[in-house]
Amino acid sequence: MSSFNREGQGGVIGLRTALILYAVLIVASFATLKGAALVIALLIVGALAAKTVVHFFRGRIE
């Protein structure tokens, strides 16, 4: 069986795991970046986290 997401099946990883990984990215960003690069990285990670949450709840409604 393939690990690709098929219709009717859940995602490859769960919401909790995805949010934990986003938190790790945020911590790594704070540890390694500053200034404009930090702001851009935080915006990107925040947008990805928001997309993940919206996708998760949209899938639960359907």
N, C-alpha and C. Protein backbone atom coordinates (compact mmCIF):
# COMPACT_ATOMS: atom_id res chain seq x y z
N MET A 1 0.81 -1.19 0.00
CA MET A 1 0.00 0.00 0.00
C MET A 1 0.86 1.26 0.00
N SER A 2 0.47 2.23 -0.71
CA SER A 2 1.21 3.48 -0.83
C SER A 2 0.92 4.40 0.35
N SER A 3 1.86 5.29 0.65
CA SER A 3 1.65 6.24 1.75
C SER A 3 0.98 7.53 1.27
N PHE A 4 0.62 7.58 -0.01
CA PHE A 4 -0.06 8.76 -0.53
C PHE A 4 -1.46 8.86 0.05
N ASN A 5 -1.94 10.07 0.20
CA ASN A 5 -3.27 10.31 0.75
C ASN A 5 -4.32 10.05 -0.34
N ARG A 6 -5.21 9.12 -0.07
CA ARG A 6 -6.30 8.83 -1.01
C ARG A 6 -7.59 9.42 -0.44
N GLU A 7 -8.55 9.69 -1.31
CA GLU A 7 -9.83 10.22 -0.84
C GLU A 7 -10.45 9.26 0.15
N GLY A 8 -10.99 9.82 1.22
CA GLY A 8 -11.65 9.02 2.23
C GLY A 8 -10.73 8.57 3.34
N GLN A 9 -9.42 8.77 3.19
CA GLN A 9 -8.48 8.40 4.24
C GLN A 9 -7.94 9.64 4.90
N GLY A 10 -7.43 9.46 6.11
CA GLY A 10 -6.83 10.58 6.84
C GLY A 10 -5.51 10.98 6.22
N GLY A 11 -4.92 12.04 6.75
CA GLY A 11 -3.65 12.51 6.25
C GLY A 11 -2.51 11.59 6.65
N VAL A 12 -1.34 11.93 6.20
CA VAL A 12 -0.17 11.13 6.50
C VAL A 12 0.21 11.27 7.97
N ILE A 13 0.12 12.50 8.51
CA ILE A 13 0.35 12.72 9.93
C ILE A 13 -0.87 13.41 10.51
N GLY A 14 -1.02 13.35 11.81
CA GLY A 14 -2.16 13.96 12.47
C GLY A 14 -1.95 15.45 12.70
N LEU A 15 -3.03 16.09 13.13
CA LEU A 15 -2.99 17.53 13.39
C LEU A 15 -2.01 17.85 14.51
N ARG A 16 -2.06 17.07 15.58
CA ARG A 16 -1.18 17.34 16.73
C ARG A 16 0.28 17.25 16.33
N THR A 17 0.63 16.24 15.56
CA THR A 17 2.02 16.08 15.12
C THR A 17 2.44 17.25 14.24
N ALA A 18 1.56 17.66 13.34
CA ALA A 18 1.88 18.79 12.45
C ALA A 18 2.10 20.07 13.26
N LEU A 19 1.26 20.32 14.24
CA LEU A 19 1.41 21.54 15.04
C LEU A 19 2.68 21.50 15.88
N ILE A 20 3.05 20.32 16.37
CA ILE A 20 4.30 20.19 17.12
C ILE A 20 5.49 20.48 16.21
N LEU A 21 5.43 19.98 14.98
CA LEU A 21 6.52 20.24 14.04
C LEU A 21 6.59 21.72 13.66
N TYR A 22 5.45 22.38 13.54
CA TYR A 22 5.45 23.82 13.28
C TYR A 22 6.06 24.58 14.46
N ALA A 23 5.77 24.12 15.68
CA ALA A 23 6.36 24.76 16.86
C ALA A 23 7.89 24.60 16.87
N VAL A 24 8.36 23.44 16.45
CA VAL A 24 9.81 23.22 16.35
C VAL A 24 10.41 24.18 15.32
N LEU A 25 9.73 24.38 14.21
CA LEU A 25 10.21 25.33 13.21
C LEU A 25 10.26 26.76 13.76
N ILE A 26 9.28 27.12 14.55
CA ILE A 26 9.26 28.46 15.14
C ILE A 26 10.42 28.63 16.11
N VAL A 27 10.67 27.63 16.95
CA VAL A 27 11.79 27.71 17.89
C VAL A 27 13.11 27.80 17.14
N ALA A 28 13.26 27.00 16.09
CA ALA A 28 14.48 27.05 15.29
C ALA A 28 14.65 28.41 14.61
N SER A 29 13.54 29.00 14.19
CA SER A 29 13.60 30.33 13.57
C SER A 29 14.07 31.37 14.57
N PHE A 30 13.52 31.32 15.78
CA PHE A 30 13.95 32.28 16.80
C PHE A 30 15.42 32.08 17.17
N ALA A 31 15.88 30.84 17.15
CA ALA A 31 17.25 30.56 17.53
C ALA A 31 18.26 30.95 16.47
N THR A 32 17.85 30.97 15.20
CA THR A 32 18.83 31.18 14.13
C THR A 32 18.65 32.46 13.33
N LEU A 33 17.48 33.06 13.36
CA LEU A 33 17.22 34.22 12.53
C LEU A 33 16.97 35.46 13.36
N LYS A 34 17.10 36.62 12.71
CA LYS A 34 16.70 37.87 13.35
C LYS A 34 16.30 38.86 12.27
N GLY A 35 15.60 39.87 12.69
CA GLY A 35 15.19 40.91 11.76
C GLY A 35 14.12 40.47 10.79
N ALA A 36 14.26 40.94 9.55
CA ALA A 36 13.26 40.68 8.52
C ALA A 36 13.15 39.19 8.20
N ALA A 37 14.26 38.47 8.23
CA ALA A 37 14.23 37.03 7.94
C ALA A 37 13.37 36.29 8.96
N LEU A 38 13.46 36.69 10.23
CA LEU A 38 12.64 36.07 11.27
C LEU A 38 11.17 36.34 11.04
N VAL A 39 10.83 37.56 10.70
CA VAL A 39 9.43 37.92 10.45
C VAL A 39 8.88 37.12 9.27
N ILE A 40 9.65 37.03 8.20
CA ILE A 40 9.21 36.29 7.02
C ILE A 40 9.02 34.81 7.36
N ALA A 41 9.97 34.24 8.09
CA ALA A 41 9.87 32.82 8.46
C ALA A 41 8.64 32.58 9.34
N LEU A 42 8.38 33.48 10.29
CA LEU A 42 7.22 33.33 11.17
C LEU A 42 5.92 33.46 10.39
N LEU A 43 5.87 34.36 9.42
CA LEU A 43 4.68 34.50 8.59
C LEU A 43 4.43 33.23 7.77
N ILE A 44 5.48 32.68 7.22
CA ILE A 44 5.33 31.46 6.41
C ILE A 44 4.87 30.30 7.27
N VAL A 45 5.50 30.09 8.41
CA VAL A 45 5.12 28.98 9.28
C VAL A 45 3.71 29.20 9.83
N GLY A 46 3.37 30.44 10.18
CA GLY A 46 2.02 30.73 10.65
C GLY A 46 0.97 30.46 9.59
N ALA A 47 1.26 30.83 8.35
CA ALA A 47 0.31 30.57 7.26
C ALA A 47 0.15 29.07 7.02
N LEU A 48 1.24 28.33 7.07
CA LEU A 48 1.15 26.88 6.90
C LEU A 48 0.36 26.23 8.03
N ALA A 49 0.57 26.70 9.26
CA ALA A 49 -0.18 26.16 10.39
C ALA A 49 -1.67 26.46 10.25
N ALA A 50 -2.00 27.68 9.84
CA ALA A 50 -3.40 28.04 9.65
C ALA A 50 -4.03 27.19 8.55
N LYS A 51 -3.32 26.98 7.46
CA LYS A 51 -3.82 26.14 6.37
C LYS A 51 -4.06 24.72 6.85
N THR A 52 -3.15 24.20 7.66
CA THR A 52 -3.30 22.85 8.19
C THR A 52 -4.53 22.72 9.07
N VAL A 53 -4.74 23.69 9.94
CA VAL A 53 -5.89 23.65 10.84
C VAL A 53 -7.20 23.76 10.05
N VAL A 54 -7.25 24.67 9.09
CA VAL A 54 -8.45 24.83 8.27
C VAL A 54 -8.74 23.55 7.49
N HIS A 55 -7.71 22.97 6.90
CA HIS A 55 -7.88 21.74 6.14
C HIS A 55 -8.37 20.60 7.04
N PHE A 56 -7.83 20.52 8.25
CA PHE A 56 -8.24 19.48 9.18
C PHE A 56 -9.72 19.59 9.54
N PHE A 57 -10.16 20.80 9.89
CA PHE A 57 -11.54 20.98 10.30
C PHE A 57 -12.50 20.89 9.11
N ARG A 58 -12.07 21.30 7.94
CA ARG A 58 -12.90 21.15 6.75
C ARG A 58 -13.13 19.66 6.44
N GLY A 59 -12.09 18.87 6.62
CA GLY A 59 -12.21 17.43 6.40
C GLY A 59 -13.11 16.76 7.42
N ARG A 60 -13.15 17.27 8.64
CA ARG A 60 -14.03 16.70 9.65
C ARG A 60 -15.48 17.05 9.41
N ILE A 61 -15.73 18.23 8.81
CA ILE A 61 -17.11 18.66 8.53
C ILE A 61 -17.70 17.82 7.40
N GLU A 62 -16.89 17.53 6.38
CA GLU A 62 -17.37 16.81 5.20
C GLU A 62 -17.61 15.37 5.47
